[in-house]
Amino acid sequence: MSEQDDKALARKGRMVGLVIAGTMLIWIAANFMGPVLGLPGRYVFLFDFAALAALFWAMVLIYQMWQARRADK
């Protein structure tokens, strides 16, 4: 794997980490602030599904990174 490929893979890994951490922080804040703001229960499901979509996207990126590393060996 070239140095440029390593940098691209590292950049993708940082993005995955930020997406996972950001998703969890936003999800926790939304679940905490929902009742405080008096939001209806259906918004809880909206936040849950948005978090699941973001985490699924992160898992797809992790799988792509794993495949790229495997192809290198």
N, C-alpha and C. Protein backbone atom coordinates (compact mmCIF):
# COMPACT_ATOMS: atom_id res chain seq x y z
N MET A 1 0.84 -1.16 0.00
CA MET A 1 0.00 0.00 0.00
C MET A 1 0.89 1.23 0.00
N SER A 2 0.59 2.19 -0.86
CA SER A 2 1.41 3.38 -0.94
C SER A 2 1.10 4.33 0.21
N GLU A 3 1.95 5.32 0.34
CA GLU A 3 1.76 6.30 1.41
C GLU A 3 0.46 7.08 1.20
N GLN A 4 0.12 7.34 -0.05
CA GLN A 4 -1.12 8.06 -0.35
C GLN A 4 -2.34 7.22 0.03
N ASP A 5 -2.28 5.91 -0.24
CA ASP A 5 -3.37 5.02 0.16
C ASP A 5 -3.52 4.95 1.67
N ASP A 6 -2.37 4.91 2.36
CA ASP A 6 -2.40 4.89 3.83
C ASP A 6 -3.04 6.16 4.38
N LYS A 7 -2.71 7.31 3.78
CA LYS A 7 -3.29 8.57 4.24
C LYS A 7 -4.79 8.60 3.98
N ALA A 8 -5.22 8.09 2.83
CA ALA A 8 -6.65 8.07 2.52
C ALA A 8 -7.39 7.15 3.49
N LEU A 9 -6.79 6.01 3.80
CA LEU A 9 -7.40 5.07 4.74
C LEU A 9 -7.46 5.66 6.15
N ALA A 10 -6.40 6.37 6.54
CA ALA A 10 -6.39 7.02 7.85
C ALA A 10 -7.45 8.12 7.92
N ARG A 11 -7.61 8.87 6.83
CA ARG A 11 -8.62 9.92 6.78
C ARG A 11 -10.02 9.32 6.90
N LYS A 12 -10.23 8.20 6.21
CA LYS A 12 -11.53 7.53 6.29
C LYS A 12 -11.78 7.00 7.70
N GLY A 13 -10.73 6.51 8.35
CA GLY A 13 -10.87 6.02 9.72
C GLY A 13 -11.21 7.14 10.69
N ARG A 14 -10.59 8.31 10.51
CA ARG A 14 -10.93 9.45 11.37
C ARG A 14 -12.37 9.88 11.15
N MET A 15 -12.82 9.85 9.89
CA MET A 15 -14.19 10.22 9.61
C MET A 15 -15.17 9.26 10.27
N VAL A 16 -14.86 7.98 10.22
CA VAL A 16 -15.72 6.97 10.87
C VAL A 16 -15.79 7.24 12.37
N GLY A 17 -14.66 7.51 12.98
CA GLY A 17 -14.64 7.79 14.41
C GLY A 17 -15.45 9.02 14.77
N LEU A 18 -15.33 10.06 13.97
CA LEU A 18 -16.09 11.28 14.22
C LEU A 18 -17.59 11.06 14.02
N VAL A 19 -17.94 10.28 13.00
CA VAL A 19 -19.36 10.01 12.76
C VAL A 19 -19.96 9.22 13.92
N ILE A 20 -19.25 8.21 14.39
CA ILE A 20 -19.77 7.41 15.50
C ILE A 20 -19.87 8.25 16.77
N ALA A 21 -18.82 8.98 17.10
CA ALA A 21 -18.85 9.80 18.31
C ALA A 21 -19.90 10.91 18.21
N GLY A 22 -19.97 11.58 17.08
CA GLY A 22 -20.95 12.65 16.90
C GLY A 22 -22.37 12.14 16.93
N THR A 23 -22.59 10.99 16.32
CA THR A 23 -23.92 10.40 16.33
C THR A 23 -24.37 10.08 17.75
N MET A 24 -23.48 9.49 18.52
CA MET A 24 -23.85 9.14 19.89
C MET A 24 -24.11 10.39 20.74
N LEU A 25 -23.29 11.42 20.57
CA LEU A 25 -23.49 12.64 21.35
C LEU A 25 -24.82 13.31 20.98
N ILE A 26 -25.10 13.40 19.69
CA ILE A 26 -26.36 14.02 19.25
C ILE A 26 -27.55 13.17 19.68
N TRP A 27 -27.42 11.87 19.59
CA TRP A 27 -28.52 10.97 19.97
C TRP A 27 -28.82 11.09 21.47
N ILE A 28 -27.77 11.10 22.28
CA ILE A 28 -27.96 11.24 23.73
C ILE A 28 -28.59 12.60 24.05
N ALA A 29 -28.09 13.65 23.42
CA ALA A 29 -28.64 14.99 23.66
C ALA A 29 -30.10 15.06 23.23
N ALA A 30 -30.44 14.46 22.09
CA ALA A 30 -31.81 14.49 21.60
C ALA A 30 -32.74 13.71 22.53
N ASN A 31 -32.28 12.58 23.03
CA ASN A 31 -33.10 11.81 23.96
C ASN A 31 -33.27 12.51 25.31
N PHE A 32 -32.28 13.29 25.69
CA PHE A 32 -32.39 14.04 26.94
C PHE A 32 -33.28 15.26 26.77
N MET A 33 -33.10 15.98 25.65
CA MET A 33 -33.82 17.24 25.45
C MET A 33 -35.26 17.04 24.97
N GLY A 34 -35.57 15.89 24.40
CA GLY A 34 -36.93 15.65 23.92
C GLY A 34 -37.99 15.86 24.97
N PRO A 35 -37.93 15.17 26.10
CA PRO A 35 -38.93 15.38 27.14
C PRO A 35 -38.87 16.78 27.77
N VAL A 36 -37.67 17.33 27.85
CA VAL A 36 -37.52 18.66 28.44
C VAL A 36 -38.25 19.70 27.59
N LEU A 37 -38.15 19.55 26.27
CA LEU A 37 -38.81 20.49 25.36
C LEU A 37 -40.26 20.12 25.10
N GLY A 38 -40.68 18.98 25.58
CA GLY A 38 -42.06 18.54 25.39
C GLY A 38 -42.35 18.03 23.99
N LEU A 39 -41.33 17.47 23.32
CA LEU A 39 -41.54 16.93 21.98
C LEU A 39 -42.36 15.64 22.05
N PRO A 40 -43.21 15.41 21.05
CA PRO A 40 -43.98 14.16 21.04
C PRO A 40 -43.07 12.94 20.90
N GLY A 41 -43.58 11.80 21.30
CA GLY A 41 -42.80 10.56 21.26
C GLY A 41 -42.35 10.14 19.88
N ARG A 42 -43.06 10.57 18.85
CA ARG A 42 -42.67 10.15 17.50
C ARG A 42 -41.32 10.72 17.10
N TYR A 43 -40.92 11.84 17.71
CA TYR A 43 -39.61 12.40 17.40
C TYR A 43 -38.48 11.54 17.97
N VAL A 44 -38.77 10.82 19.01
CA VAL A 44 -37.76 9.91 19.56
C VAL A 44 -37.40 8.86 18.51
N PHE A 45 -38.41 8.34 17.83
CA PHE A 45 -38.15 7.36 16.78
C PHE A 45 -37.40 7.98 15.61
N LEU A 46 -37.69 9.22 15.30
CA LEU A 46 -36.97 9.92 14.24
C LEU A 46 -35.48 10.02 14.58
N PHE A 47 -35.17 10.41 15.82
CA PHE A 47 -33.77 10.49 16.25
C PHE A 47 -33.12 9.11 16.26
N ASP A 48 -33.87 8.10 16.69
CA ASP A 48 -33.34 6.74 16.72
C ASP A 48 -33.00 6.24 15.31
N PHE A 49 -33.91 6.46 14.37
CA PHE A 49 -33.68 6.01 13.00
C PHE A 49 -32.54 6.78 12.34
N ALA A 50 -32.43 8.07 12.63
CA ALA A 50 -31.32 8.84 12.09
C ALA A 50 -29.99 8.33 12.64
N ALA A 51 -29.96 8.00 13.92
CA ALA A 51 -28.74 7.45 14.52
C ALA A 51 -28.41 6.09 13.93
N LEU A 52 -29.41 5.26 13.73
CA LEU A 52 -29.17 3.95 13.10
C LEU A 52 -28.62 4.10 11.69
N ALA A 53 -29.16 5.04 10.93
CA ALA A 53 -28.68 5.27 9.57
C ALA A 53 -27.21 5.72 9.58
N ALA A 54 -26.86 6.61 10.48
CA ALA A 54 -25.48 7.08 10.56
C ALA A 54 -24.54 5.95 10.98
N LEU A 55 -24.96 5.14 11.92
CA LEU A 55 -24.12 4.02 12.36
C LEU A 55 -24.00 2.94 11.28
N PHE A 56 -25.07 2.72 10.52
CA PHE A 56 -25.00 1.78 9.40
C PHE A 56 -24.00 2.28 8.36
N TRP A 57 -24.04 3.59 8.07
CA TRP A 57 -23.10 4.17 7.12
C TRP A 57 -21.66 4.00 7.61
N ALA A 58 -21.45 4.19 8.91
CA ALA A 58 -20.11 4.01 9.48
C ALA A 58 -19.66 2.56 9.34
N MET A 59 -20.58 1.62 9.54
CA MET A 59 -20.23 0.20 9.40
C MET A 59 -19.86 -0.13 7.95
N VAL A 60 -20.53 0.48 7.00
CA VAL A 60 -20.19 0.27 5.58
C VAL A 60 -18.78 0.78 5.32
N LEU A 61 -18.44 1.94 5.86
CA LEU A 61 -17.09 2.47 5.68
C LEU A 61 -16.05 1.58 6.36
N ILE A 62 -16.36 1.06 7.53
CA ILE A 62 -15.44 0.15 8.22
C ILE A 62 -15.22 -1.10 7.37
N TYR A 63 -16.28 -1.62 6.78
CA TYR A 63 -16.15 -2.80 5.93
C TYR A 63 -15.27 -2.49 4.72
N GLN A 64 -15.44 -1.31 4.11
CA GLN A 64 -14.62 -0.92 2.98
C GLN A 64 -13.15 -0.81 3.38
N MET A 65 -12.90 -0.26 4.56
CA MET A 65 -11.52 -0.15 5.04
C MET A 65 -10.92 -1.53 5.28
N TRP A 66 -11.71 -2.42 5.84
CA TRP A 66 -11.24 -3.77 6.10
C TRP A 66 -10.90 -4.48 4.78
N GLN A 67 -11.75 -4.33 3.78
CA GLN A 67 -11.50 -4.95 2.49
C GLN A 67 -10.26 -4.36 1.83
N ALA A 68 -10.04 -3.06 1.96
CA ALA A 68 -8.86 -2.43 1.38
C ALA A 68 -7.59 -2.95 2.05
N ARG A 69 -7.63 -3.11 3.36
CA ARG A 69 -6.46 -3.65 4.07
C ARG A 69 -6.22 -5.11 3.69
N ARG A 70 -7.32 -5.87 3.54
CA ARG A 70 -7.18 -7.28 3.18
C ARG A 70 -6.61 -7.44 1.77
N ALA A 71 -7.03 -6.58 0.85
CA ALA A 71 -6.55 -6.65 -0.53
C ALA A 71 -5.07 -6.31 -0.61
N ASP A 72 -4.58 -5.54 0.34
CA ASP A 72 -3.18 -5.14 0.35
C ASP A 72 -2.25 -6.28 0.73
N LYS A 73 -2.74 -7.22 1.52
CA LYS A 73 -1.88 -8.31 2.01
C LYS A 73 -1.66 -9.38 1.01
